[in-house]
Every structure is written in C-alpha cells, then in structure tokens.
Amino acid sequence: MTKTKEPTIIKKYANRRLYNTGTSTYVTLEDLAEMVKGEEDFVVFDAKSGDEITRSVLTQIIFEQENKGTNLLPIAFLRQLIRFYGDSMQNLVPSYLEFSIDSLTREQGKLRDHMTQAFGNNAFEAMQDQVRRNTEMFERAMRMFMPFSGTATEVPKARAEEKPEPNELDRLKQQMEDMQRRLDAIAERKS
C-alpha cells in the first residue's frame, strides 16, 4: 500500500500570525498562496479553539489577490455567488463549482498541449511574431493608400523603407496556410 502524504498543519494564532508546523516557521498569506500554487496541501487550525479554518484562510488569500489588482473573479460572478447564499440551490453550488474548475483545469492543460504541438515550445513567441509581421504588413498597405501624408522629402524615404522583399508576401502567405493546417488538425483531433 502506498502512503499518501499528510497535509501540512498550519496554526493561526490570536495575533493573526500563521505558524507552519512542518517547517517550524511563521508564514504569511503569500507563503500559503505559493504553497497552493505548488500544489502543497495544508490544513489551517485556530490555535486556541482547535477549529479548522482552512476555508476562511483560503478566502482571505483570494481577497488579498483581488485587492492587489489581480482580478480573477468577475463582478457578475461574485454577485450571483452572494445570491446563492440561503437559496435552495446553495447545497449544489459547491459541487458544481468544483466540477467546473476541475474541467477548466483539465482543458487548460489540453489547450497548452495543443498549442505546443502546433507551434512548438515557443507558441506564444510564434504568435507574437506573427502578429507583429501582420501589423507591419497592414501598416505598409495603409501607407500605400496615403502616399502624400508626409512632406515631399519624407515620402521617398518612407517608400524606400517599406519596399518589401520580393518573396516576403509569399512567405507570409505560406506561414498563414501552415498555421491554418495546424489549427485544422487540432480541431480534427478534438472531434
């Protein structure tokens, strides 16, 4: 039989200090947030009463993150959540939310995998590079429709700079076609 790792015990004292019994050190809410992100399980107990207060501490962490400007929870969601308190649906909400967040987590991993397969490890960089190239091409096209927007001396200089390489447009078209084929392949795999 494999033994599961026990959660770390955190004690919260009256002075609001949090004590990690696993490391014998005082910790902050930020430290606990890092533990959550690192998938390290912990349970928080009130040091005086012995009551488990993990839920309220996790809620405090969310509150602190939201106050820092890292807004993850939309206002409409928060209002609807408040409306569920005392409602006949109140007992269904926790399991529904847990199922939903589990599904989102699983899909997030799949999306990352698909992006990595389609574009390699530099998926984000490849997309940024493509957006930059598309923006440059759009700007050049717009300048061709407004050739007299600058002074007479600026126009020839701008035209010399914007002259595309002979195969640049063909190369961009080929890259767009390659990206479309990859996206089609991903969509087929999902079906």
N, C-alpha and C. Protein backbone atom coordinates (compact mmCIF):
# COMPACT_ATOMS: atom_id res chain seq x y z
N MET A 1 0.84 -1.19 0.00
CA MET A 1 0.00 0.00 0.00
C MET A 1 0.88 1.24 0.00
N THR A 2 0.48 2.21 -0.82
CA THR A 2 1.23 3.45 -0.84
C THR A 2 0.63 4.41 0.18
N LYS A 3 1.49 5.08 0.88
CA LYS A 3 1.04 6.01 1.91
C LYS A 3 0.91 7.39 1.30
N THR A 4 -0.25 8.02 1.49
CA THR A 4 -0.44 9.36 0.96
C THR A 4 0.21 10.37 1.90
N LYS A 5 0.72 11.42 1.34
CA LYS A 5 1.37 12.45 2.14
C LYS A 5 0.31 13.23 2.91
N GLU A 6 0.53 13.37 4.18
CA GLU A 6 -0.40 14.11 5.03
C GLU A 6 -0.27 15.61 4.75
N PRO A 7 -1.36 16.34 4.85
CA PRO A 7 -1.28 17.79 4.64
C PRO A 7 -0.48 18.46 5.76
N THR A 8 0.17 19.54 5.42
CA THR A 8 0.92 20.32 6.40
C THR A 8 -0.08 21.01 7.33
N ILE A 9 0.23 21.05 8.59
CA ILE A 9 -0.63 21.71 9.58
C ILE A 9 -0.14 23.14 9.76
N ILE A 10 -1.07 24.07 9.60
CA ILE A 10 -0.81 25.49 9.83
C ILE A 10 -1.67 25.91 11.01
N LYS A 11 -1.07 26.59 11.97
CA LYS A 11 -1.83 27.08 13.12
C LYS A 11 -1.93 28.60 13.03
N LYS A 12 -3.15 29.09 13.28
CA LYS A 12 -3.36 30.54 13.27
C LYS A 12 -3.58 31.00 14.71
N TYR A 13 -2.73 31.92 15.13
CA TYR A 13 -2.79 32.42 16.50
C TYR A 13 -3.65 33.68 16.58
N ALA A 14 -3.99 34.07 17.81
CA ALA A 14 -4.85 35.23 18.05
C ALA A 14 -4.27 36.51 17.45
N ASN A 15 -2.94 36.60 17.41
CA ASN A 15 -2.31 37.80 16.84
C ASN A 15 -2.28 37.76 15.31
N ARG A 16 -3.05 36.81 14.72
CA ARG A 16 -3.22 36.64 13.29
C ARG A 16 -1.98 36.07 12.61
N ARG A 17 -1.01 35.64 13.38
CA ARG A 17 0.19 35.03 12.79
C ARG A 17 -0.10 33.58 12.46
N LEU A 18 0.50 33.13 11.37
CA LEU A 18 0.32 31.76 10.89
C LEU A 18 1.62 30.99 11.11
N TYR A 19 1.52 29.81 11.67
CA TYR A 19 2.70 29.02 12.00
C TYR A 19 2.64 27.69 11.26
N ASN A 20 3.68 27.43 10.44
CA ASN A 20 3.78 26.18 9.68
C ASN A 20 4.47 25.16 10.57
N THR A 21 3.72 24.13 11.00
CA THR A 21 4.30 23.12 11.89
C THR A 21 5.28 22.21 11.16
N GLY A 22 5.18 22.14 9.84
CA GLY A 22 6.09 21.30 9.07
C GLY A 22 7.49 21.87 9.00
N THR A 23 7.59 23.20 8.90
CA THR A 23 8.91 23.84 8.81
C THR A 23 9.28 24.58 10.09
N SER A 24 8.36 24.60 11.06
CA SER A 24 8.56 25.31 12.33
C SER A 24 8.91 26.78 12.10
N THR A 25 8.18 27.40 11.19
CA THR A 25 8.40 28.82 10.89
C THR A 25 7.05 29.53 10.77
N TYR A 26 7.09 30.84 10.99
CA TYR A 26 5.90 31.64 10.75
C TYR A 26 5.81 31.91 9.25
N VAL A 27 4.59 31.93 8.73
CA VAL A 27 4.37 32.15 7.30
C VAL A 27 3.34 33.25 7.11
N THR A 28 3.28 33.75 5.90
CA THR A 28 2.31 34.79 5.55
C THR A 28 1.25 34.19 4.61
N LEU A 29 0.23 34.98 4.34
CA LEU A 29 -0.77 34.54 3.36
C LEU A 29 -0.13 34.33 1.99
N GLU A 30 0.85 35.15 1.66
CA GLU A 30 1.56 34.98 0.38
C GLU A 30 2.30 33.65 0.34
N ASP A 31 2.90 33.26 1.46
CA ASP A 31 3.57 31.95 1.53
C ASP A 31 2.56 30.82 1.30
N LEU A 32 1.39 30.95 1.92
CA LEU A 32 0.35 29.93 1.74
C LEU A 32 -0.13 29.90 0.28
N ALA A 33 -0.23 31.08 -0.34
CA ALA A 33 -0.63 31.14 -1.76
C ALA A 33 0.39 30.40 -2.62
N GLU A 34 1.67 30.56 -2.29
CA GLU A 34 2.71 29.85 -3.04
C GLU A 34 2.62 28.35 -2.82
N MET A 35 2.26 27.95 -1.61
CA MET A 35 2.08 26.52 -1.33
C MET A 35 0.94 25.96 -2.18
N VAL A 36 -0.16 26.73 -2.30
CA VAL A 36 -1.29 26.30 -3.12
C VAL A 36 -0.85 26.16 -4.57
N LYS A 37 -0.14 27.16 -5.07
CA LYS A 37 0.33 27.11 -6.47
C LYS A 37 1.27 25.94 -6.70
N GLY A 38 2.04 25.59 -5.66
CA GLY A 38 2.95 24.45 -5.75
C GLY A 38 2.26 23.13 -5.46
N GLU A 39 0.93 23.18 -5.33
CA GLU A 39 0.10 22.00 -5.06
C GLU A 39 0.49 21.29 -3.77
N GLU A 40 0.96 22.07 -2.79
CA GLU A 40 1.26 21.53 -1.47
C GLU A 40 0.02 21.69 -0.60
N ASP A 41 -0.48 20.57 -0.12
CA ASP A 41 -1.71 20.55 0.64
C ASP A 41 -1.45 20.98 2.09
N PHE A 42 -2.36 21.78 2.65
CA PHE A 42 -2.26 22.17 4.05
C PHE A 42 -3.65 22.34 4.64
N VAL A 43 -3.70 22.28 5.95
CA VAL A 43 -4.93 22.48 6.72
C VAL A 43 -4.61 23.52 7.78
N VAL A 44 -5.52 24.48 7.98
CA VAL A 44 -5.29 25.54 8.95
C VAL A 44 -6.24 25.35 10.13
N PHE A 45 -5.66 25.42 11.33
CA PHE A 45 -6.43 25.29 12.56
C PHE A 45 -6.26 26.55 13.39
N ASP A 46 -7.33 26.95 14.07
CA ASP A 46 -7.24 28.03 15.04
C ASP A 46 -6.48 27.47 16.24
N ALA A 47 -5.39 28.12 16.64
CA ALA A 47 -4.52 27.59 17.69
C ALA A 47 -5.24 27.52 19.04
N LYS A 48 -6.15 28.44 19.31
CA LYS A 48 -6.82 28.47 20.61
C LYS A 48 -7.98 27.47 20.68
N SER A 49 -8.87 27.51 19.68
CA SER A 49 -10.07 26.68 19.74
C SER A 49 -9.86 25.30 19.11
N GLY A 50 -8.88 25.17 18.23
CA GLY A 50 -8.66 23.92 17.53
C GLY A 50 -9.57 23.72 16.33
N ASP A 51 -10.43 24.71 16.04
CA ASP A 51 -11.34 24.62 14.89
C ASP A 51 -10.56 24.69 13.58
N GLU A 52 -11.03 23.94 12.59
CA GLU A 52 -10.41 24.03 11.27
C GLU A 52 -10.94 25.27 10.56
N ILE A 53 -10.03 26.11 10.08
CA ILE A 53 -10.42 27.38 9.43
C ILE A 53 -9.78 27.52 8.05
N THR A 54 -9.49 26.39 7.42
CA THR A 54 -8.83 26.41 6.10
C THR A 54 -9.62 27.23 5.09
N ARG A 55 -10.94 27.02 5.04
CA ARG A 55 -11.79 27.73 4.08
C ARG A 55 -11.66 29.25 4.22
N SER A 56 -11.72 29.74 5.45
CA SER A 56 -11.66 31.20 5.64
C SER A 56 -10.27 31.74 5.29
N VAL A 57 -9.23 30.97 5.56
CA VAL A 57 -7.87 31.42 5.20
C VAL A 57 -7.69 31.44 3.69
N LEU A 58 -8.20 30.41 3.00
CA LEU A 58 -8.12 30.40 1.53
C LEU A 58 -8.92 31.56 0.94
N THR A 59 -10.06 31.87 1.55
CA THR A 59 -10.86 33.01 1.11
C THR A 59 -10.09 34.31 1.32
N GLN A 60 -9.36 34.39 2.45
CA GLN A 60 -8.52 35.57 2.71
C GLN A 60 -7.46 35.72 1.63
N ILE A 61 -6.86 34.62 1.20
CA ILE A 61 -5.83 34.66 0.15
C ILE A 61 -6.44 35.22 -1.13
N ILE A 62 -7.64 34.73 -1.48
CA ILE A 62 -8.31 35.24 -2.69
C ILE A 62 -8.59 36.73 -2.54
N PHE A 63 -9.07 37.14 -1.37
CA PHE A 63 -9.37 38.55 -1.10
C PHE A 63 -8.11 39.40 -1.28
N GLU A 64 -6.99 38.94 -0.74
CA GLU A 64 -5.72 39.67 -0.87
C GLU A 64 -5.29 39.79 -2.34
N GLN A 65 -5.43 38.69 -3.09
CA GLN A 65 -5.05 38.71 -4.52
C GLN A 65 -5.94 39.69 -5.28
N GLU A 66 -7.23 39.67 -5.00
CA GLU A 66 -8.16 40.60 -5.67
C GLU A 66 -7.83 42.05 -5.32
N ASN A 67 -7.43 42.31 -4.07
CA ASN A 67 -7.08 43.67 -3.67
C ASN A 67 -5.80 44.17 -4.30
N LYS A 68 -4.92 43.24 -4.71
CA LYS A 68 -3.67 43.63 -5.36
C LYS A 68 -3.89 44.02 -6.82
N GLY A 69 -5.11 43.87 -7.31
CA GLY A 69 -5.38 44.20 -8.70
C GLY A 69 -5.37 43.00 -9.61
N THR A 70 -5.14 41.83 -9.07
CA THR A 70 -5.19 40.60 -9.86
C THR A 70 -6.63 40.12 -9.85
N ASN A 71 -7.47 40.77 -10.65
CA ASN A 71 -8.90 40.47 -10.63
C ASN A 71 -9.20 39.25 -11.48
N LEU A 72 -9.54 38.17 -10.82
CA LEU A 72 -9.87 36.92 -11.48
C LEU A 72 -11.37 36.67 -11.47
N LEU A 73 -12.04 37.16 -10.45
CA LEU A 73 -13.47 36.91 -10.30
C LEU A 73 -14.29 38.09 -10.81
N PRO A 74 -15.08 37.86 -11.85
CA PRO A 74 -15.90 38.95 -12.39
C PRO A 74 -16.96 39.40 -11.39
N ILE A 75 -17.34 40.65 -11.44
CA ILE A 75 -18.33 41.20 -10.51
C ILE A 75 -19.65 40.46 -10.63
N ALA A 76 -20.08 40.14 -11.85
CA ALA A 76 -21.35 39.42 -12.04
C ALA A 76 -21.30 38.05 -11.34
N PHE A 77 -20.15 37.39 -11.42
CA PHE A 77 -19.99 36.09 -10.76
C PHE A 77 -20.11 36.26 -9.24
N LEU A 78 -19.41 37.26 -8.68
CA LEU A 78 -19.46 37.48 -7.23
C LEU A 78 -20.87 37.79 -6.76
N ARG A 79 -21.60 38.61 -7.53
CA ARG A 79 -22.98 38.94 -7.15
C ARG A 79 -23.87 37.70 -7.18
N GLN A 80 -23.71 36.90 -8.23
CA GLN A 80 -24.52 35.69 -8.32
C GLN A 80 -24.18 34.72 -7.20
N LEU A 81 -22.91 34.63 -6.86
CA LEU A 81 -22.48 33.76 -5.77
C LEU A 81 -23.13 34.18 -4.46
N ILE A 82 -23.16 35.48 -4.21
CA ILE A 82 -23.79 36.00 -2.99
C ILE A 82 -25.28 35.67 -3.00
N ARG A 83 -25.93 35.75 -4.15
CA ARG A 83 -27.36 35.43 -4.24
C ARG A 83 -27.65 33.98 -3.88
N PHE A 84 -26.69 33.08 -4.10
CA PHE A 84 -26.91 31.68 -3.80
C PHE A 84 -26.93 31.38 -2.30
N TYR A 85 -26.32 32.25 -1.48
CA TYR A 85 -26.34 32.02 -0.03
C TYR A 85 -27.78 32.09 0.46
N GLY A 86 -28.23 31.03 1.13
CA GLY A 86 -29.59 30.98 1.65
C GLY A 86 -30.62 30.52 0.62
N ASP A 87 -30.22 30.37 -0.62
CA ASP A 87 -31.12 29.90 -1.68
C ASP A 87 -31.23 28.38 -1.62
N SER A 88 -32.28 27.83 -2.20
CA SER A 88 -32.45 26.37 -2.21
C SER A 88 -31.35 25.69 -3.01
N MET A 89 -30.68 26.40 -3.91
CA MET A 89 -29.59 25.84 -4.72
C MET A 89 -28.25 25.87 -3.99
N GLN A 90 -28.20 26.46 -2.81
CA GLN A 90 -26.95 26.65 -2.08
C GLN A 90 -26.16 25.35 -1.94
N ASN A 91 -26.83 24.24 -1.69
CA ASN A 91 -26.11 22.99 -1.48
C ASN A 91 -25.50 22.43 -2.76
N LEU A 92 -26.03 22.81 -3.92
CA LEU A 92 -25.49 22.32 -5.20
C LEU A 92 -24.30 23.14 -5.70
N VAL A 93 -24.23 24.39 -5.29
CA VAL A 93 -23.21 25.29 -5.81
C VAL A 93 -21.78 24.79 -5.57
N PRO A 94 -21.39 24.36 -4.36
CA PRO A 94 -20.00 23.93 -4.16
C PRO A 94 -19.59 22.79 -5.09
N SER A 95 -20.43 21.77 -5.23
CA SER A 95 -20.03 20.65 -6.09
C SER A 95 -20.01 21.08 -7.56
N TYR A 96 -20.94 21.96 -7.96
CA TYR A 96 -20.93 22.45 -9.34
C TYR A 96 -19.67 23.26 -9.62
N LEU A 97 -19.32 24.15 -8.70
CA LEU A 97 -18.11 24.97 -8.90
C LEU A 97 -16.86 24.10 -8.92
N GLU A 98 -16.81 23.10 -8.04
CA GLU A 98 -15.65 22.20 -8.01
C GLU A 98 -15.52 21.44 -9.32
N PHE A 99 -16.64 20.92 -9.82
CA PHE A 99 -16.64 20.21 -11.11
C PHE A 99 -16.20 21.15 -12.23
N SER A 100 -16.72 22.37 -12.23
CA SER A 100 -16.39 23.34 -13.29
C SER A 100 -14.91 23.70 -13.28
N ILE A 101 -14.35 23.94 -12.11
CA ILE A 101 -12.93 24.33 -12.04
C ILE A 101 -12.04 23.15 -12.41
N ASP A 102 -12.45 21.92 -12.05
CA ASP A 102 -11.69 20.74 -12.46
C ASP A 102 -11.69 20.61 -13.98
N SER A 103 -12.85 20.82 -14.59
CA SER A 103 -12.96 20.75 -16.05
C SER A 103 -12.09 21.82 -16.72
N LEU A 104 -12.13 23.03 -16.17
CA LEU A 104 -11.32 24.12 -16.72
C LEU A 104 -9.83 23.78 -16.62
N THR A 105 -9.42 23.22 -15.50
CA THR A 105 -8.02 22.85 -15.29
C THR A 105 -7.59 21.80 -16.31
N ARG A 106 -8.45 20.78 -16.50
CA ARG A 106 -8.12 19.73 -17.49
C ARG A 106 -8.04 20.32 -18.89
N GLU A 107 -8.98 21.16 -19.27
CA GLU A 107 -8.99 21.76 -20.61
C GLU A 107 -7.81 22.70 -20.80
N GLN A 108 -7.40 23.39 -19.74
CA GLN A 108 -6.26 24.29 -19.82
C GLN A 108 -5.01 23.51 -20.20
N GLY A 109 -4.82 22.36 -19.60
CA GLY A 109 -3.68 21.51 -19.93
C GLY A 109 -3.74 21.04 -21.37
N LYS A 110 -4.93 20.64 -21.83
CA LYS A 110 -5.09 20.19 -23.21
C LYS A 110 -4.79 21.32 -24.19
N LEU A 111 -5.28 22.53 -23.89
CA LEU A 111 -5.03 23.67 -24.77
C LEU A 111 -3.54 23.96 -24.85
N ARG A 112 -2.86 23.94 -23.71
CA ARG A 112 -1.41 24.17 -23.73
C ARG A 112 -0.70 23.11 -24.56
N ASP A 113 -1.13 21.84 -24.40
CA ASP A 113 -0.53 20.75 -25.17
C ASP A 113 -0.75 20.95 -26.66
N HIS A 114 -1.97 21.32 -27.05
CA HIS A 114 -2.27 21.53 -28.47
C HIS A 114 -1.44 22.69 -29.05
N MET A 115 -1.31 23.76 -28.27
CA MET A 115 -0.52 24.91 -28.74
C MET A 115 0.94 24.51 -28.89
N THR A 116 1.44 23.71 -27.95
CA THR A 116 2.83 23.26 -28.02
C THR A 116 3.04 22.36 -29.23
N GLN A 117 2.10 21.45 -29.48
CA GLN A 117 2.19 20.57 -30.65
C GLN A 117 2.14 21.36 -31.94
N ALA A 118 1.27 22.35 -31.98
CA ALA A 118 1.09 23.12 -33.21
C ALA A 118 2.26 24.07 -33.48
N PHE A 119 2.76 24.70 -32.43
CA PHE A 119 3.75 25.75 -32.63
C PHE A 119 5.07 25.51 -31.91
N GLY A 120 5.22 24.38 -31.25
CA GLY A 120 6.44 24.10 -30.51
C GLY A 120 6.40 24.77 -29.15
N ASN A 121 7.53 24.73 -28.47
CA ASN A 121 7.61 25.30 -27.12
C ASN A 121 7.51 26.81 -27.12
N ASN A 122 7.73 27.43 -28.27
CA ASN A 122 7.69 28.88 -28.36
C ASN A 122 6.37 29.35 -28.96
N ALA A 123 5.26 28.71 -28.56
CA ALA A 123 3.95 29.02 -29.14
C ALA A 123 3.61 30.49 -28.97
N PHE A 124 3.78 31.03 -27.77
CA PHE A 124 3.43 32.41 -27.52
C PHE A 124 4.31 33.35 -28.33
N GLU A 125 5.60 33.06 -28.38
CA GLU A 125 6.53 33.89 -29.15
C GLU A 125 6.20 33.83 -30.64
N ALA A 126 5.84 32.64 -31.14
CA ALA A 126 5.49 32.50 -32.56
C ALA A 126 4.25 33.32 -32.88
N MET A 127 3.28 33.29 -31.97
CA MET A 127 2.06 34.06 -32.20
C MET A 127 2.35 35.56 -32.16
N GLN A 128 3.17 35.99 -31.21
CA GLN A 128 3.54 37.41 -31.14
C GLN A 128 4.28 37.84 -32.40
N ASP A 129 5.19 37.00 -32.86
CA ASP A 129 5.95 37.31 -34.06
C ASP A 129 5.03 37.44 -35.26
N GLN A 130 4.06 36.54 -35.37
CA GLN A 130 3.12 36.58 -36.48
C GLN A 130 2.26 37.84 -36.40
N VAL A 131 1.80 38.20 -35.22
CA VAL A 131 1.00 39.41 -35.05
C VAL A 131 1.83 40.63 -35.44
N ARG A 132 3.10 40.66 -35.04
CA ARG A 132 3.97 41.79 -35.38
C ARG A 132 4.12 41.91 -36.89
N ARG A 133 4.36 40.77 -37.55
CA ARG A 133 4.51 40.80 -39.02
C ARG A 133 3.22 41.24 -39.70
N ASN A 134 2.10 40.74 -39.22
CA ASN A 134 0.82 41.13 -39.82
C ASN A 134 0.57 42.63 -39.64
N THR A 135 0.93 43.15 -38.46
CA THR A 135 0.76 44.59 -38.20
C THR A 135 1.64 45.41 -39.13
N GLU A 136 2.89 44.99 -39.30
CA GLU A 136 3.79 45.70 -40.21
C GLU A 136 3.26 45.69 -41.64
N MET A 137 2.75 44.54 -42.08
CA MET A 137 2.21 44.43 -43.43
C MET A 137 0.99 45.34 -43.59
N PHE A 138 0.13 45.38 -42.57
CA PHE A 138 -1.04 46.25 -42.60
C PHE A 138 -0.62 47.71 -42.68
N GLU A 139 0.37 48.10 -41.87
CA GLU A 139 0.84 49.48 -41.88
C GLU A 139 1.41 49.86 -43.24
N ARG A 140 2.16 48.95 -43.87
CA ARG A 140 2.69 49.23 -45.21
C ARG A 140 1.56 49.40 -46.22
N ALA A 141 0.56 48.56 -46.11
CA ALA A 141 -0.58 48.67 -47.03
C ALA A 141 -1.29 50.00 -46.84
N MET A 142 -1.46 50.42 -45.60
CA MET A 142 -2.13 51.70 -45.34
C MET A 142 -1.31 52.87 -45.88
N ARG A 143 0.01 52.80 -45.79
CA ARG A 143 0.87 53.87 -46.32
C ARG A 143 0.75 53.96 -47.83
N MET A 144 0.53 52.83 -48.49
CA MET A 144 0.39 52.86 -49.95
C MET A 144 -0.87 53.60 -50.35
N PHE A 145 -1.92 53.57 -49.49
CA PHE A 145 -3.15 54.28 -49.80
C PHE A 145 -3.10 55.75 -49.40
N MET A 146 -2.09 56.13 -48.60
CA MET A 146 -1.93 57.52 -48.19
C MET A 146 -0.52 57.98 -48.54
N PRO A 147 -0.15 57.99 -49.83
CA PRO A 147 1.24 58.30 -50.20
C PRO A 147 1.64 59.74 -49.94
N PHE A 148 0.69 60.65 -49.81
CA PHE A 148 1.06 62.05 -49.65
C PHE A 148 0.78 62.57 -48.25
N SER A 149 0.82 61.68 -47.27
CA SER A 149 0.53 62.08 -45.89
C SER A 149 1.66 62.89 -45.27
N GLY A 150 2.89 62.71 -45.73
CA GLY A 150 4.03 63.43 -45.17
C GLY A 150 4.48 64.52 -46.11
N THR A 151 5.63 65.13 -45.85
CA THR A 151 6.17 66.14 -46.73
C THR A 151 6.81 65.47 -47.93
N ALA A 152 7.21 66.23 -48.91
CA ALA A 152 7.77 65.68 -50.14
C ALA A 152 9.06 64.91 -49.87
N THR A 153 9.85 65.37 -48.90
CA THR A 153 11.11 64.66 -48.62
C THR A 153 10.88 63.38 -47.84
N GLU A 154 9.78 63.30 -47.05
CA GLU A 154 9.51 62.11 -46.26
C GLU A 154 8.96 60.97 -47.11
N VAL A 155 8.23 61.28 -48.16
CA VAL A 155 7.56 60.24 -48.94
C VAL A 155 8.56 59.29 -49.60
N PRO A 156 9.59 59.78 -50.33
CA PRO A 156 10.51 58.82 -50.94
C PRO A 156 11.23 57.97 -49.90
N LYS A 157 11.60 58.57 -48.77
CA LYS A 157 12.30 57.81 -47.73
C LYS A 157 11.40 56.70 -47.19
N ALA A 158 10.15 57.03 -46.92
CA ALA A 158 9.22 56.03 -46.39
C ALA A 158 9.01 54.91 -47.41
N ARG A 159 8.89 55.26 -48.69
CA ARG A 159 8.68 54.24 -49.71
C ARG A 159 9.89 53.32 -49.83
N ALA A 160 11.08 53.88 -49.68
CA ALA A 160 12.28 53.04 -49.77
C ALA A 160 12.33 52.06 -48.61
N GLU A 161 11.91 52.52 -47.41
CA GLU A 161 11.93 51.64 -46.24
C GLU A 161 10.87 50.56 -46.32
N GLU A 162 9.70 50.89 -46.90
CA GLU A 162 8.60 49.94 -46.88
C GLU A 162 8.59 48.97 -48.05
N LYS A 163 9.55 49.09 -48.95
CA LYS A 163 9.57 48.21 -50.10
C LYS A 163 9.83 46.78 -49.63
N PRO A 164 8.86 45.88 -49.84
CA PRO A 164 9.03 44.52 -49.34
C PRO A 164 10.03 43.73 -50.18
N GLU A 165 10.61 42.75 -49.54
CA GLU A 165 11.48 41.85 -50.26
C GLU A 165 10.62 41.09 -51.27
N PRO A 166 11.20 40.67 -52.39
CA PRO A 166 10.39 40.05 -53.45
C PRO A 166 9.53 38.88 -52.98
N ASN A 167 10.00 38.05 -52.06
CA ASN A 167 9.25 36.87 -51.66
C ASN A 167 8.61 36.99 -50.28
N GLU A 168 8.65 38.18 -49.68
CA GLU A 168 8.14 38.34 -48.33
C GLU A 168 6.64 38.05 -48.25
N LEU A 169 5.87 38.56 -49.19
CA LEU A 169 4.43 38.33 -49.17
C LEU A 169 4.11 36.85 -49.37
N ASP A 170 4.82 36.21 -50.28
CA ASP A 170 4.61 34.78 -50.49
C ASP A 170 4.97 33.98 -49.24
N ARG A 171 6.03 34.40 -48.57
CA ARG A 171 6.46 33.71 -47.35
C ARG A 171 5.40 33.86 -46.25
N LEU A 172 4.83 35.05 -46.11
CA LEU A 172 3.78 35.28 -45.12
C LEU A 172 2.54 34.47 -45.45
N LYS A 173 2.18 34.41 -46.72
CA LYS A 173 1.03 33.60 -47.13
C LYS A 173 1.26 32.14 -46.78
N GLN A 174 2.45 31.65 -47.01
CA GLN A 174 2.77 30.25 -46.72
C GLN A 174 2.69 29.99 -45.22
N GLN A 175 3.18 30.92 -44.42
CA GLN A 175 3.11 30.75 -42.97
C GLN A 175 1.66 30.73 -42.49
N MET A 176 0.82 31.58 -43.06
CA MET A 176 -0.59 31.60 -42.69
C MET A 176 -1.26 30.29 -43.08
N GLU A 177 -0.95 29.76 -44.23
CA GLU A 177 -1.51 28.48 -44.66
C GLU A 177 -1.05 27.35 -43.74
N ASP A 178 0.23 27.36 -43.36
CA ASP A 178 0.74 26.35 -42.43
C ASP A 178 0.01 26.42 -41.09
N MET A 179 -0.19 27.63 -40.58
CA MET A 179 -0.89 27.80 -39.31
C MET A 179 -2.32 27.29 -39.42
N GLN A 180 -2.98 27.58 -40.55
CA GLN A 180 -4.35 27.13 -40.73
C GLN A 180 -4.42 25.61 -40.76
N ARG A 181 -3.47 24.95 -41.43
CA ARG A 181 -3.45 23.49 -41.47
C ARG A 181 -3.27 22.92 -40.06
N ARG A 182 -2.39 23.54 -39.27
CA ARG A 182 -2.17 23.06 -37.90
C ARG A 182 -3.43 23.22 -37.06
N LEU A 183 -4.11 24.37 -37.20
CA LEU A 183 -5.34 24.59 -36.45
C LEU A 183 -6.42 23.60 -36.87
N ASP A 184 -6.52 23.32 -38.16
CA ASP A 184 -7.49 22.33 -38.65
C ASP A 184 -7.19 20.96 -38.07
N ALA A 185 -5.91 20.60 -38.00
CA ALA A 185 -5.52 19.30 -37.45
C ALA A 185 -5.90 19.22 -35.97
N ILE A 186 -5.70 20.31 -35.23
CA ILE A 186 -6.06 20.33 -33.82
C ILE A 186 -7.57 20.17 -33.67
N ALA A 187 -8.32 20.86 -34.50
CA ALA A 187 -9.78 20.78 -34.43
C ALA A 187 -10.26 19.38 -34.74
N GLU A 188 -9.63 18.70 -35.69
CA GLU A 188 -10.00 17.33 -36.04
C GLU A 188 -9.72 16.38 -34.88
N ARG A 189 -8.60 16.58 -34.19
CA ARG A 189 -8.26 15.72 -33.06
C ARG A 189 -9.24 15.88 -31.91
N LYS A 190 -9.76 17.11 -31.72
CA LYS A 190 -10.72 17.37 -30.65
C LYS A 190 -12.07 16.71 -30.94
N SER A 191 -12.39 16.54 -32.23
CA SER A 191 -13.70 15.99 -32.60
C SER A 191 -13.81 14.53 -32.31
